[in-house]
Amino acid sequence: MNKLTITDEQLTLINQALDFYFRVGTGQFDVIKNHPTFEKHLHNEFKTKEGKLEIGDKTVRGIITDIDPKGKWIKTKSYWGNGEEIKKWLDLQNIHHTTDYEQFHITRDEVDTILNQARNLLYNSDTLNKNGSWGIHHPNVDNSCREAFDMLQVIRHEKWKINENRSKITVDSHIHFTSTNNDSNKIKCELNIK
């Protein structure tokens, strides 16, 4: 057996990669447009304004009402859980001009159409609707997709076990192996509890 020592962030990336792999392998090509590279690129492409943030600018966290002259915080006004309120943000690297979401979604819808055409060509069928795909147990799905899904399940279940607020009715609360090669029961994940 092999052992891999990684950070929490790297484990999250492995989880995302396994999820991406099995979904593409079952024909859920729409996940391609959700890859962080394309997600960030489209948000940047369709920003409503370029340049430095200023009072009155629309951001992803609301309209800027105040900016610290020393650049340590920004205040924005928006609608949150308790209605309209002003919040102070210290994570300035995460505050950007808002996106033209109409254009953003038009582009994503066009990509969905093209990805569905590609999926249907690979399936050699045009009977599936926009959100259709083969299931994880479909005979045409390669077993490597089931193995990826099983690894993903083990990792997310271990994360579930250390979560103090876990629920027994979520998908991560149990594991049901799908691979046909009987190696999935050998998958082990040990998380360091902080």
Protein backbone atom coordinates (compact mmCIF):
# COMPACT_ATOMS: atom_id res chain seq x y z
CA MET A 1 0.00 0.00 0.00
CA ASN A 2 1.08 3.56 -0.68
CA LYS A 3 0.96 6.51 1.68
CA LEU A 4 0.70 10.18 0.76
CA THR A 5 1.23 13.09 3.16
CA ILE A 6 -0.58 16.25 2.07
CA THR A 7 -2.10 19.45 3.43
CA ASP A 8 -5.84 20.00 3.88
CA GLU A 9 -5.85 22.24 0.80
CA GLN A 10 -4.13 19.53 -1.27
CA LEU A 11 -6.64 16.95 -0.04
CA THR A 12 -9.45 19.26 -1.14
CA LEU A 13 -7.82 19.52 -4.58
CA ILE A 14 -7.54 15.73 -4.83
CA ASN A 15 -11.22 15.47 -3.89
CA GLN A 16 -12.13 18.00 -6.59
CA ALA A 17 -9.99 16.17 -9.17
CA LEU A 18 -11.62 12.83 -8.36
CA ASP A 19 -15.07 14.41 -8.59
CA PHE A 20 -14.17 16.06 -11.92
CA TYR A 21 -12.76 12.79 -13.33
CA PHE A 22 -15.77 10.62 -12.55
CA ARG A 23 -18.24 13.27 -13.69
CA VAL A 24 -16.55 13.79 -17.07
CA GLY A 25 -16.35 9.99 -17.44
CA THR A 26 -20.11 9.69 -16.97
CA GLY A 27 -20.80 12.48 -19.46
CA GLN A 28 -21.41 15.38 -17.07
CA PHE A 29 -19.35 17.70 -19.25
CA ASP A 30 -20.96 20.80 -17.75
CA VAL A 31 -18.45 20.54 -14.88
CA ILE A 32 -15.77 21.74 -17.32
CA LYS A 33 -17.15 25.29 -17.28
CA ASN A 34 -17.06 25.27 -13.46
CA HIS A 35 -13.30 24.67 -13.38
CA PRO A 36 -11.72 27.56 -11.40
CA THR A 37 -9.64 28.60 -14.43
CA PHE A 38 -12.71 29.26 -16.57
CA GLU A 39 -14.89 30.49 -13.71
CA LYS A 40 -12.35 33.17 -12.76
CA HIS A 41 -11.63 34.03 -16.38
CA LEU A 42 -15.30 34.66 -17.21
CA HIS A 43 -15.80 36.76 -14.07
CA ASN A 44 -12.78 38.81 -15.10
CA GLU A 45 -13.81 39.01 -18.77
CA PHE A 46 -17.22 40.41 -17.90
CA LYS A 47 -16.25 42.75 -15.05
CA THR A 48 -18.41 45.86 -15.08
CA LYS A 49 -15.41 48.12 -14.42
CA GLU A 50 -11.63 47.99 -14.59
CA GLY A 51 -9.07 49.52 -12.27
CA LYS A 52 -8.89 50.53 -8.64
CA LEU A 53 -11.89 50.11 -6.35
CA GLU A 54 -13.59 53.38 -5.42
CA ILE A 55 -16.52 54.49 -3.27
CA GLY A 56 -19.75 53.80 -5.17
CA ASP A 57 -18.33 50.87 -7.18
CA LYS A 58 -20.39 47.68 -7.39
CA THR A 59 -18.45 44.67 -6.12
CA VAL A 60 -19.18 41.01 -5.53
CA ARG A 61 -19.95 42.00 -1.92
CA GLY A 62 -22.13 45.01 -2.57
CA ILE A 63 -21.63 48.72 -3.22
CA ILE A 64 -18.54 50.28 -1.67
CA THR A 65 -19.49 52.87 0.96
CA ASP A 66 -16.09 53.51 2.56
CA ILE A 67 -12.43 52.65 2.00
CA ASP A 68 -9.73 52.81 4.65
CA PRO A 69 -7.10 55.37 3.50
CA LYS A 70 -4.38 52.95 4.67
CA GLY A 71 -5.90 50.14 2.56
CA LYS A 72 -6.69 47.82 5.45
CA TRP A 73 -10.46 47.47 4.96
CA ILE A 74 -13.42 48.23 2.71
CA LYS A 75 -17.05 48.68 3.73
CA THR A 76 -19.87 47.64 1.42
CA LYS A 77 -23.65 47.94 1.53
CA SER A 78 -25.75 45.02 0.38
CA TYR A 79 -28.59 42.72 1.37
CA TRP A 80 -27.52 40.02 3.78
CA GLY A 81 -29.47 37.72 6.08
CA ASN A 82 -30.94 40.61 8.10
CA GLY A 83 -31.82 42.88 5.18
CA GLU A 84 -29.70 45.75 3.91
CA GLU A 85 -26.64 46.42 6.00
CA ILE A 86 -23.07 47.68 5.79
CA LYS A 87 -20.23 45.21 6.36
CA LYS A 88 -16.53 45.80 6.86
CA TRP A 89 -14.15 43.51 4.93
CA LEU A 90 -10.49 42.88 5.74
CA ASP A 91 -9.81 40.35 2.95
CA LEU A 92 -9.33 42.97 0.25
CA GLN A 93 -7.81 40.45 -2.17
CA ASN A 94 -11.27 38.85 -2.46
CA ILE A 95 -13.19 42.03 -3.27
CA HIS A 96 -13.51 42.71 -6.99
CA HIS A 97 -15.68 44.72 -9.32
CA THR A 98 -18.90 42.85 -9.95
CA THR A 99 -19.54 40.84 -13.10
CA ASP A 100 -22.11 41.45 -15.84
CA TYR A 101 -23.96 38.30 -14.89
CA GLU A 102 -26.28 38.44 -17.89
CA GLN A 103 -23.33 38.15 -20.28
CA PHE A 104 -21.64 35.66 -17.93
CA HIS A 105 -24.68 33.33 -18.06
CA ILE A 106 -25.21 33.77 -21.81
CA THR A 107 -21.65 32.56 -22.38
CA ARG A 108 -22.05 29.65 -19.96
CA ASP A 109 -25.31 28.62 -21.67
CA GLU A 110 -23.55 28.64 -25.05
CA VAL A 111 -20.79 26.48 -23.58
CA ASP A 112 -23.42 24.06 -22.19
CA THR A 113 -24.92 23.68 -25.67
CA ILE A 114 -21.52 22.88 -27.18
CA LEU A 115 -20.59 20.50 -24.35
CA ASN A 116 -23.92 18.68 -24.74
CA GLN A 117 -23.24 18.28 -28.46
CA ALA A 118 -19.78 16.87 -27.69
CA ARG A 119 -21.22 14.49 -25.09
CA ASN A 120 -23.91 13.30 -27.49
CA LEU A 121 -21.31 12.71 -30.22
CA LEU A 122 -19.25 10.62 -27.82
CA TYR A 123 -22.37 8.73 -26.70
CA ASN A 124 -23.33 8.29 -30.37
CA SER A 125 -26.83 9.29 -29.30
CA ASP A 126 -28.87 12.45 -29.21
CA THR A 127 -31.58 11.20 -26.88
CA LEU A 128 -30.27 12.78 -23.65
CA ASN A 129 -31.49 16.17 -22.54
CA LYS A 130 -29.29 19.05 -21.39
CA ASN A 131 -28.66 17.67 -17.89
CA GLY A 132 -28.59 13.98 -18.79
CA SER A 133 -25.65 11.64 -18.33
CA TRP A 134 -24.86 8.01 -17.79
CA GLY A 135 -25.08 6.91 -14.18
CA ILE A 136 -22.03 5.67 -12.30
CA HIS A 137 -23.21 2.05 -12.78
CA HIS A 138 -23.91 2.38 -16.53
CA PRO A 139 -22.07 -0.43 -18.38
CA ASN A 140 -20.39 2.05 -20.77
CA VAL A 141 -18.77 3.97 -17.88
CA ASP A 142 -15.17 2.91 -17.35
CA ASN A 143 -14.51 1.31 -13.97
CA SER A 144 -11.82 3.94 -13.28
CA CYS A 145 -14.69 6.41 -12.81
CA ARG A 146 -16.18 4.17 -10.14
CA GLU A 147 -12.78 3.85 -8.47
CA ALA A 148 -12.44 7.65 -8.46
CA PHE A 149 -15.94 7.92 -6.99
CA ASP A 150 -15.07 5.37 -4.28
CA MET A 151 -11.90 7.26 -3.32
CA LEU A 152 -13.90 10.49 -3.18
CA GLN A 153 -16.46 8.84 -0.92
CA VAL A 154 -13.82 7.59 1.53
CA ILE A 155 -12.20 11.04 1.77
CA ARG A 156 -15.46 12.93 2.25
CA HIS A 157 -16.66 10.36 4.81
CA GLU A 158 -13.50 10.85 6.88
CA LYS A 159 -14.07 14.62 6.76
CA TRP A 160 -17.68 14.00 7.81
CA LYS A 161 -16.55 11.94 10.82
CA ILE A 162 -14.47 14.79 12.26
CA ASN A 163 -17.14 17.44 11.66
CA GLU A 164 -18.77 18.30 14.99
CA ASN A 165 -21.92 19.50 13.19
CA ARG A 166 -22.33 16.45 10.97
CA SER A 167 -25.71 15.18 9.87
CA LYS A 168 -26.58 11.52 9.35
CA ILE A 169 -28.73 12.31 6.31
CA THR A 170 -26.04 13.73 4.02
CA VAL A 171 -24.26 11.83 1.23
CA ASP A 172 -20.96 11.95 3.11
CA SER A 173 -22.42 10.16 6.16
CA HIS A 174 -21.96 6.74 4.56
CA ILE A 175 -19.99 4.93 1.86
CA HIS A 176 -21.35 2.62 -0.82
CA PHE A 177 -18.61 1.29 -3.06
CA THR A 178 -19.28 1.19 -6.78
CA SER A 179 -16.11 -0.24 -8.33
CA THR A 180 -16.22 -3.76 -9.71
CA ASN A 181 -12.60 -4.73 -8.98
CA ASN A 182 -13.05 -5.21 -5.19
CA ASP A 183 -10.08 -2.96 -4.33
CA SER A 184 -12.20 -0.13 -2.95
CA ASN A 185 -12.38 -1.67 0.52
CA LYS A 186 -8.57 -1.17 0.67
CA ILE A 187 -8.88 2.63 0.38
CA LYS A 188 -7.88 4.25 3.66
CA CYS A 189 -7.78 7.90 4.62
CA GLU A 190 -6.44 9.19 7.93
CA LEU A 191 -7.00 12.84 8.75
CA ASN A 192 -5.04 14.73 11.36
CA ILE A 193 -7.45 16.38 13.76
CA LYS A 194 -6.36 19.90 14.65
